[in-house]
Amino acid sequence: MPYALVIKKQAKKFLENLSKTERIKIVEKIILLGNNPDDPRLDIKKLIAQAFYRLRVGNWRIVFDRNDQIKIISIEKIKSRGDIYK
């Protein structure tokens, strides 16, 4: 059963400002993430300093929280590789 996806306001706003091709790439990965967050094709790592995970899409990073009990993935932030961890 796929996970429900919740995209926070900050991440949604960032997505809206991207070019169409970049936005499509990121949305496709988010959909894959929702279908199976354990998919080995996704480049996911648990962040050490925080309780979040990160998904890599090219030079973009998607920081998300995952609740396996109620099957929800919450997209917290989407930013470039250099800005996401600041």
PDB file of N, CA and C in Angstrom:
ATOM      1  N   MET A   1       0.841  -1.193   0.000  1.00  0.00           N
ATOM      2  CA  MET A   1       0.000   0.000   0.000  1.00  0.00           C
ATOM      3  C   MET A   1       0.877   1.244   0.000  1.00  0.00           C
ATOM      4  N   PRO A   2       0.643   2.181  -0.916  1.00  0.00           N
ATOM      5  CA  PRO A   2       1.504   3.372  -0.975  1.00  0.00           C
ATOM      6  C   PRO A   2       1.315   4.295   0.230  1.00  0.00           C
ATOM      7  N   TYR A   3       2.308   5.095   0.460  1.00  0.00           N
ATOM      8  CA  TYR A   3       2.278   6.070   1.542  1.00  0.00           C
ATOM      9  C   TYR A   3       1.537   7.317   1.071  1.00  0.00           C
ATOM     10  N   ALA A   4       0.883   8.000   1.998  1.00  0.00           N
ATOM     11  CA  ALA A   4       0.279   9.302   1.697  1.00  0.00           C
ATOM     12  C   ALA A   4       1.414  10.328   1.673  1.00  0.00           C
ATOM     13  N   LEU A   5       1.370  11.255   0.737  1.00  0.00           N
ATOM     14  CA  LEU A   5       2.403  12.275   0.624  1.00  0.00           C
ATOM     15  C   LEU A   5       1.857  13.620   1.077  1.00  0.00           C
ATOM     16  N   VAL A   6       2.591  14.270   1.968  1.00  0.00           N
ATOM     17  CA  VAL A   6       2.243  15.611   2.430  1.00  0.00           C
ATOM     18  C   VAL A   6       3.411  16.512   2.058  1.00  0.00           C
ATOM     19  N   ILE A   7       3.134  17.563   1.297  1.00  0.00           N
ATOM     20  CA  ILE A   7       4.199  18.486   0.902  1.00  0.00           C
ATOM     21  C   ILE A   7       3.991  19.795   1.647  1.00  0.00           C
ATOM     22  N   LYS A   8       4.968  20.149   2.487  1.00  0.00           N
ATOM     23  CA  LYS A   8       4.885  21.371   3.281  1.00  0.00           C
ATOM     24  C   LYS A   8       4.891  22.596   2.375  1.00  0.00           C
ATOM     25  N   LYS A   9       4.373  23.688   2.901  1.00  0.00           N
ATOM     26  CA  LYS A   9       4.216  24.933   2.141  1.00  0.00           C
ATOM     27  C   LYS A   9       5.535  25.406   1.526  1.00  0.00           C
ATOM     28  N   GLN A  10       6.600  25.370   2.316  1.00  0.00           N
ATOM     29  CA  GLN A  10       7.920  25.826   1.855  1.00  0.00           C
ATOM     30  C   GLN A  10       8.399  25.001   0.661  1.00  0.00           C
ATOM     31  N   ALA A  11       8.219  23.682   0.715  1.00  0.00           N
ATOM     32  CA  ALA A  11       8.652  22.800  -0.369  1.00  0.00           C
ATOM     33  C   ALA A  11       7.782  23.006  -1.611  1.00  0.00           C
ATOM     34  N   LYS A  12       6.490  23.191  -1.409  1.00  0.00           N
ATOM     35  CA  LYS A  12       5.572  23.400  -2.528  1.00  0.00           C
ATOM     36  C   LYS A  12       5.917  24.699  -3.261  1.00  0.00           C
ATOM     37  N   LYS A  13       6.219  25.737  -2.493  1.00  0.00           N
ATOM     38  CA  LYS A  13       6.566  27.039  -3.075  1.00  0.00           C
ATOM     39  C   LYS A  13       7.855  26.915  -3.903  1.00  0.00           C
ATOM     40  N   PHE A  14       8.820  26.184  -3.381  1.00  0.00           N
ATOM     41  CA  PHE A  14      10.076  25.986  -4.092  1.00  0.00           C
ATOM     42  C   PHE A  14       9.840  25.246  -5.407  1.00  0.00           C
ATOM     43  N   LEU A  15       9.016  24.207  -5.369  1.00  0.00           N
ATOM     44  CA  LEU A  15       8.692  23.432  -6.571  1.00  0.00           C
ATOM     45  C   LEU A  15       8.046  24.310  -7.645  1.00  0.00           C
ATOM     46  N   GLU A  16       7.144  25.189  -7.222  1.00  0.00           N
ATOM     47  CA  GLU A  16       6.442  26.057  -8.169  1.00  0.00           C
ATOM     48  C   GLU A  16       7.390  26.990  -8.901  1.00  0.00           C
ATOM     49  N   ASN A  17       8.510  27.341  -8.287  1.00  0.00           N
ATOM     50  CA  ASN A  17       9.450  28.282  -8.888  1.00  0.00           C
ATOM     51  C   ASN A  17      10.502  27.622  -9.771  1.00  0.00           C
ATOM     52  N   LEU A  18      10.516  26.294  -9.827  1.00  0.00           N
ATOM     53  CA  LEU A  18      11.486  25.587 -10.664  1.00  0.00           C
ATOM     54  C   LEU A  18      11.023  25.562 -12.119  1.00  0.00           C
ATOM     55  N   SER A  19      11.972  25.274 -13.010  1.00  0.00           N
ATOM     56  CA  SER A  19      11.604  25.092 -14.415  1.00  0.00           C
ATOM     57  C   SER A  19      10.759  23.830 -14.539  1.00  0.00           C
ATOM     58  N   LYS A  20       9.996  23.740 -15.618  1.00  0.00           N
ATOM     59  CA  LYS A  20       9.087  22.609 -15.799  1.00  0.00           C
ATOM     60  C   LYS A  20       9.839  21.273 -15.819  1.00  0.00           C
ATOM     61  N   THR A  21      10.982  21.210 -16.505  1.00  0.00           N
ATOM     62  CA  THR A  21      11.722  19.940 -16.590  1.00  0.00           C
ATOM     63  C   THR A  21      12.254  19.514 -15.227  1.00  0.00           C
ATOM     64  N   GLU A  22      12.773  20.467 -14.454  1.00  0.00           N
ATOM     65  CA  GLU A  22      13.288  20.146 -13.107  1.00  0.00           C
ATOM     66  C   GLU A  22      12.142  19.698 -12.206  1.00  0.00           C
ATOM     67  N   ARG A  23      11.035  20.406 -12.291  1.00  0.00           N
ATOM     68  CA  ARG A  23       9.868  20.084 -11.463  1.00  0.00           C
ATOM     69  C   ARG A  23       9.365  18.667 -11.768  1.00  0.00           C
ATOM     70  N   ILE A  24       9.304  18.311 -13.047  1.00  0.00           N
ATOM     71  CA  ILE A  24       8.837  16.976 -13.434  1.00  0.00           C
ATOM     72  C   ILE A  24       9.765  15.895 -12.876  1.00  0.00           C
ATOM     73  N   LYS A  25      11.085  16.117 -12.972  1.00  0.00           N
ATOM     74  CA  LYS A  25      12.056  15.146 -12.441  1.00  0.00           C
ATOM     75  C   LYS A  25      11.837  14.914 -10.949  1.00  0.00           C
ATOM     76  N   ILE A  26      11.680  16.013 -10.213  1.00  0.00           N
ATOM     77  CA  ILE A  26      11.524  15.919  -8.758  1.00  0.00           C
ATOM     78  C   ILE A  26      10.198  15.264  -8.398  1.00  0.00           C
ATOM     79  N   VAL A  27       9.115  15.656  -9.074  1.00  0.00           N
ATOM     80  CA  VAL A  27       7.803  15.085  -8.775  1.00  0.00           C
ATOM     81  C   VAL A  27       7.778  13.583  -9.068  1.00  0.00           C
ATOM     82  N   GLU A  28       8.420  13.162 -10.146  1.00  0.00           N
ATOM     83  CA  GLU A  28       8.483  11.731 -10.457  1.00  0.00           C
ATOM     84  C   GLU A  28       9.160  10.949  -9.333  1.00  0.00           C
ATOM     85  N   LYS A  29      10.251  11.497  -8.785  1.00  0.00           N
ATOM     86  CA  LYS A  29      10.953  10.823  -7.683  1.00  0.00           C
ATOM     87  C   LYS A  29      10.098  10.812  -6.416  1.00  0.00           C
ATOM     88  N   ILE A  30       9.365  11.908  -6.167  1.00  0.00           N
ATOM     89  CA  ILE A  30       8.494  11.963  -4.989  1.00  0.00           C
ATOM     90  C   ILE A  30       7.390  10.910  -5.105  1.00  0.00           C
ATOM     91  N   ILE A  31       6.859  10.723  -6.307  1.00  0.00           N
ATOM     92  CA  ILE A  31       5.827   9.707  -6.519  1.00  0.00           C
ATOM     93  C   ILE A  31       6.399   8.305  -6.279  1.00  0.00           C
ATOM     94  N   LEU A  32       7.608   8.053  -6.792  1.00  0.00           N
ATOM     95  CA  LEU A  32       8.273   6.767  -6.527  1.00  0.00           C
ATOM     96  C   LEU A  32       8.475   6.561  -5.030  1.00  0.00           C
ATOM     97  N   LEU A  33       8.864   7.623  -4.342  1.00  0.00           N
ATOM     98  CA  LEU A  33       9.076   7.579  -2.898  1.00  0.00           C
ATOM     99  C   LEU A  33       7.780   7.198  -2.188  1.00  0.00           C
ATOM    100  N   GLY A  34       6.670   7.789  -2.606  1.00  0.00           N
ATOM    101  CA  GLY A  34       5.385   7.481  -1.994  1.00  0.00           C
ATOM    102  C   GLY A  34       4.941   6.048  -2.243  1.00  0.00           C
ATOM    103  N   ASN A  35       5.261   5.522  -3.426  1.00  0.00           N
ATOM    104  CA  ASN A  35       4.882   4.146  -3.753  1.00  0.00           C
ATOM    105  C   ASN A  35       5.692   3.123  -2.973  1.00  0.00           C
ATOM    106  N   ASN A  36       6.995   3.394  -2.790  1.00  0.00           N
ATOM    107  CA  ASN A  36       7.848   2.461  -2.054  1.00  0.00           C
ATOM    108  C   ASN A  36       9.084   3.205  -1.537  1.00  0.00           C
ATOM    109  N   PRO A  37       9.045   3.692  -0.293  1.00  0.00           N
ATOM    110  CA  PRO A  37      10.191   4.430   0.248  1.00  0.00           C
ATOM    111  C   PRO A  37      11.442   3.574   0.459  1.00  0.00           C
ATOM    112  N   ASP A  38      11.300   2.251   0.323  1.00  0.00           N
ATOM    113  CA  ASP A  38      12.456   1.365   0.470  1.00  0.00           C
ATOM    114  C   ASP A  38      13.015   0.923  -0.874  1.00  0.00           C
ATOM    115  N   ASP A  39      12.564   1.551  -1.957  1.00  0.00           N
ATOM    116  CA  ASP A  39      13.022   1.214  -3.307  1.00  0.00           C
ATOM    117  C   ASP A  39      14.528   1.459  -3.409  1.00  0.00           C
ATOM    118  N   PRO A  40      15.311   0.435  -3.744  1.00  0.00           N
ATOM    119  CA  PRO A  40      16.772   0.606  -3.806  1.00  0.00           C
ATOM    120  C   PRO A  40      17.231   1.547  -4.936  1.00  0.00           C
ATOM    121  N   ARG A  41      16.360   1.827  -5.910  1.00  0.00           N
ATOM    122  CA  ARG A  41      16.731   2.758  -6.989  1.00  0.00           C
ATOM    123  C   ARG A  41      16.745   4.205  -6.521  1.00  0.00           C
ATOM    124  N   LEU A  42      16.089   4.489  -5.398  1.00  0.00           N
ATOM    125  CA  LEU A  42      16.079   5.851  -4.858  1.00  0.00           C
ATOM    126  C   LEU A  42      17.324   6.052  -4.004  1.00  0.00           C
ATOM    127  N   ASP A  43      17.936   7.214  -4.130  1.00  0.00           N
ATOM    128  CA  ASP A  43      19.145   7.524  -3.358  1.00  0.00           C
ATOM    129  C   ASP A  43      18.713   8.204  -2.056  1.00  0.00           C
ATOM    130  N   ILE A  44      18.396   7.378  -1.052  1.00  0.00           N
ATOM    131  CA  ILE A  44      17.890   7.885   0.228  1.00  0.00           C
ATOM    132  C   ILE A  44      18.910   7.602   1.319  1.00  0.00           C
ATOM    133  N   LYS A  45      19.129   8.598   2.171  1.00  0.00           N
ATOM    134  CA  LYS A  45      19.995   8.414   3.335  1.00  0.00           C
ATOM    135  C   LYS A  45      19.334   9.050   4.546  1.00  0.00           C
ATOM    136  N   LYS A  46      19.538   8.451   5.705  1.00  0.00           N
ATOM    137  CA  LYS A  46      19.055   9.045   6.948  1.00  0.00           C
ATOM    138  C   LYS A  46      20.038  10.137   7.344  1.00  0.00           C
ATOM    139  N   LEU A  47      19.521  11.299   7.703  1.00  0.00           N
ATOM    140  CA  LEU A  47      20.394  12.395   8.134  1.00  0.00           C
ATOM    141  C   LEU A  47      20.847  12.145   9.563  1.00  0.00           C
ATOM    142  N   ILE A  48      22.109  12.385   9.813  1.00  0.00           N
ATOM    143  CA  ILE A  48      22.685  12.085  11.128  1.00  0.00           C
ATOM    144  C   ILE A  48      22.247  13.106  12.175  1.00  0.00           C
ATOM    145  N   ALA A  49      22.313  14.386  11.847  1.00  0.00           N
ATOM    146  CA  ALA A  49      22.052  15.437  12.826  1.00  0.00           C
ATOM    147  C   ALA A  49      20.555  15.660  13.089  1.00  0.00           C
ATOM    148  N   GLN A  50      19.690  15.120  12.210  1.00  0.00           N
ATOM    149  CA  GLN A  50      18.254  15.356  12.351  1.00  0.00           C
ATOM    150  C   GLN A  50      17.511  14.026  12.245  1.00  0.00           C
ATOM    151  N   ALA A  51      16.226  14.073  12.525  1.00  0.00           N
ATOM    152  CA  ALA A  51      15.408  12.859  12.445  1.00  0.00           C
ATOM    153  C   ALA A  51      14.779  12.707  11.062  1.00  0.00           C
ATOM    154  N   PHE A  52      15.382  13.300  10.058  1.00  0.00           N
ATOM    155  CA  PHE A  52      14.827  13.272   8.707  1.00  0.00           C
ATOM    156  C   PHE A  52      15.661  12.389   7.790  1.00  0.00           C
ATOM    157  N   TYR A  53      15.128  12.193   6.587  1.00  0.00           N
ATOM    158  CA  TYR A  53      15.828  11.491   5.521  1.00  0.00           C
ATOM    159  C   TYR A  53      16.036  12.466   4.375  1.00  0.00           C
ATOM    160  N   ARG A  54      16.959  12.131   3.477  1.00  0.00           N
ATOM    161  CA  ARG A  54      17.118  12.949   2.288  1.00  0.00           C
ATOM    162  C   ARG A  54      17.078  12.076   1.054  1.00  0.00           C
ATOM    163  N   LEU A  55      16.454  12.611   0.019  1.00  0.00           N
ATOM    164  CA  LEU A  55      16.358  11.953  -1.278  1.00  0.00           C
ATOM    165  C   LEU A  55      17.110  12.834  -2.263  1.00  0.00           C
ATOM    166  N   ARG A  56      18.035  12.246  -2.996  1.00  0.00           N
ATOM    167  CA  ARG A  56      18.824  13.000  -3.969  1.00  0.00           C
ATOM    168  C   ARG A  56      18.194  12.877  -5.351  1.00  0.00           C
ATOM    169  N   VAL A  57      18.010  14.028  -6.001  1.00  0.00           N
ATOM    170  CA  VAL A  57      17.524  14.071  -7.377  1.00  0.00           C
ATOM    171  C   VAL A  57      18.450  15.035  -8.115  1.00  0.00           C
ATOM    172  N   GLY A  58      19.483  14.499  -8.766  1.00  0.00           N
ATOM    173  CA  GLY A  58      20.471  15.363  -9.429  1.00  0.00           C
ATOM    174  C   GLY A  58      21.159  16.248  -8.409  1.00  0.00           C
ATOM    175  N   ASN A  59      21.127  17.562  -8.647  1.00  0.00           N
ATOM    176  CA  ASN A  59      21.729  18.502  -7.691  1.00  0.00           C
ATOM    177  C   ASN A  59      20.745  18.968  -6.629  1.00  0.00           C
ATOM    178  N   TRP A  60      19.540  18.437  -6.645  1.00  0.00           N
ATOM    179  CA  TRP A  60      18.519  18.821  -5.674  1.00  0.00           C
ATOM    180  C   TRP A  60      18.457  17.802  -4.551  1.00  0.00           C
ATOM    181  N   ARG A  61      18.090  18.296  -3.369  1.00  0.00           N
ATOM    182  CA  ARG A  61      17.911  17.424  -2.212  1.00  0.00           C
ATOM    183  C   ARG A  61      16.503  17.634  -1.666  1.00  0.00           C
ATOM    184  N   ILE A  62      15.845  16.534  -1.360  1.00  0.00           N
ATOM    185  CA  ILE A  62      14.512  16.569  -0.783  1.00  0.00           C
ATOM    186  C   ILE A  62      14.637  15.999   0.630  1.00  0.00           C
ATOM    187  N   VAL A  63      14.319  16.813   1.626  1.00  0.00           N
ATOM    188  CA  VAL A  63      14.375  16.364   3.013  1.00  0.00           C
ATOM    189  C   VAL A  63      12.957  16.009   3.426  1.00  0.00           C
ATOM    190  N   PHE A  64      12.803  14.786   3.954  1.00  0.00           N
ATOM    191  CA  PHE A  64      11.459  14.336   4.316  1.00  0.00           C
ATOM    192  C   PHE A  64      11.457  13.553   5.616  1.00  0.00           C
ATOM    193  N   ASP A  65      10.274  13.480   6.202  1.00  0.00           N
ATOM    194  CA  ASP A  65      10.047  12.686   7.397  1.00  0.00           C
ATOM    195  C   ASP A  65       9.172  11.504   6.993  1.00  0.00           C
ATOM    196  N   ARG A  66       9.327  10.410   7.671  1.00  0.00           N
ATOM    197  CA  ARG A  66       8.630   9.185   7.287  1.00  0.00           C
ATOM    198  C   ARG A  66       8.014   8.540   8.522  1.00  0.00           C
ATOM    199  N   ASN A  67       6.718   8.247   8.457  1.00  0.00           N
ATOM    200  CA  ASN A  67       6.046   7.548   9.550  1.00  0.00           C
ATOM    201  C   ASN A  67       5.502   6.242   8.992  1.00  0.00           C
ATOM    202  N   ASP A  68       6.156   5.136   9.337  1.00  0.00           N
ATOM    203  CA  ASP A  68       5.787   3.836   8.789  1.00  0.00           C
ATOM    204  C   ASP A  68       4.500   3.277   9.404  1.00  0.00           C
ATOM    205  N   GLN A  69       4.164   3.704  10.625  1.00  0.00           N
ATOM    206  CA  GLN A  69       2.970   3.167  11.277  1.00  0.00           C
ATOM    207  C   GLN A  69       1.693   3.647  10.599  1.00  0.00           C
ATOM    208  N   ILE A  70       1.643   4.935  10.234  1.00  0.00           N
ATOM    209  CA  ILE A  70       0.433   5.458   9.582  1.00  0.00           C
ATOM    210  C   ILE A  70       0.655   5.719   8.092  1.00  0.00           C
ATOM    211  N   LYS A  71       1.821   5.304   7.584  1.00  0.00           N
ATOM    212  CA  LYS A  71       2.158   5.378   6.159  1.00  0.00           C
ATOM    213  C   LYS A  71       2.006   6.791   5.577  1.00  0.00           C
ATOM    214  N   ILE A  72       2.762   7.724   6.180  1.00  0.00           N
ATOM    215  CA  ILE A  72       2.777   9.104   5.684  1.00  0.00           C
ATOM    216  C   ILE A  72       4.221   9.534   5.469  1.00  0.00           C
ATOM    217  N   ILE A  73       4.464  10.183   4.339  1.00  0.00           N
ATOM    218  CA  ILE A  73       5.754  10.815   4.073  1.00  0.00           C
ATOM    219  C   ILE A  73       5.494  12.303   3.960  1.00  0.00           C
ATOM    220  N   SER A  74       6.223  13.063   4.753  1.00  0.00           N
ATOM    221  CA  SER A  74       6.062  14.513   4.776  1.00  0.00           C
ATOM    222  C   SER A  74       7.304  15.161   4.162  1.00  0.00           C
ATOM    223  N   ILE A  75       7.120  15.823   3.012  1.00  0.00           N
ATOM    224  CA  ILE A  75       8.226  16.514   2.348  1.00  0.00           C
ATOM    225  C   ILE A  75       8.431  17.843   3.057  1.00  0.00           C
ATOM    226  N   GLU A  76       9.563  17.986   3.734  1.00  0.00           N
ATOM    227  CA  GLU A  76       9.821  19.183   4.529  1.00  0.00           C
ATOM    228  C   GLU A  76      10.456  20.306   3.705  1.00  0.00           C
ATOM    229  N   LYS A  77      11.520  19.970   2.970  1.00  0.00           N
ATOM    230  CA  LYS A  77      12.265  20.991   2.211  1.00  0.00           C
ATOM    231  C   LYS A  77      12.755  20.411   0.898  1.00  0.00           C
ATOM    232  N   ILE A  78      12.849  21.269  -0.106  1.00  0.00           N
ATOM    233  CA  ILE A  78      13.502  20.933  -1.368  1.00  0.00           C
ATOM    234  C   ILE A  78      14.432  22.092  -1.682  1.00  0.00           C
ATOM    235  N   LYS A  79      15.709  21.812  -1.806  1.00  0.00           N
ATOM    236  CA  LYS A  79      16.690  22.862  -2.092  1.00  0.00           C
ATOM    237  C   LYS A  79      17.856  22.275  -2.856  1.00  0.00           C
ATOM    238  N   SER A  80      18.750  23.162  -3.280  1.00  0.00           N
ATOM    239  CA  SER A  80      19.944  22.687  -3.968  1.00  0.00           C
ATOM    240  C   SER A  80      20.888  22.039  -2.958  1.00  0.00           C
ATOM    241  N   ARG A  81      21.794  21.257  -3.476  1.00  0.00           N
ATOM    242  CA  ARG A  81      22.732  20.499  -2.641  1.00  0.00           C
ATOM    243  C   ARG A  81      23.482  21.393  -1.665  1.00  0.00           C
ATOM    244  N   GLY A  82      23.906  22.564  -2.101  1.00  0.00           N
ATOM    245  CA  GLY A  82      24.694  23.455  -1.235  1.00  0.00           C
ATOM    246  C   GLY A  82      23.892  24.156  -0.175  1.00  0.00           C
ATOM    247  N   ASP A  83      22.591  24.341  -0.388  1.00  0.00           N
ATOM    248  CA  ASP A  83      21.769  25.133   0.542  1.00  0.00           C
ATOM    249  C   ASP A  83      20.969  24.314   1.541  1.00  0.00           C
ATOM    250  N   ILE A  84      20.734  23.071   1.270  1.00  0.00           N
ATOM    251  CA  ILE A  84      19.791  22.290   2.060  1.00  0.00           C
ATOM    252  C   ILE A  84      20.218  22.076   3.513  1.00  0.00           C
ATOM    253  N   TYR A  85      21.501  21.939   3.752  1.00  0.00           N
ATOM    254  CA  TYR A  85      21.957  21.574   5.097  1.00  0.00           C
ATOM    255  C   TYR A  85      22.316  22.783   5.959  1.00  0.00           C
ATOM    256  N   LYS A  86      22.080  23.980   5.456  1.00  0.00           N
ATOM    257  CA  LYS A  86      22.415  25.197   6.234  1.00  0.00           C
ATOM    258  C   LYS A  86      21.352  25.503   7.244  1.00  0.00           C
TER     259      LYS A  86
END
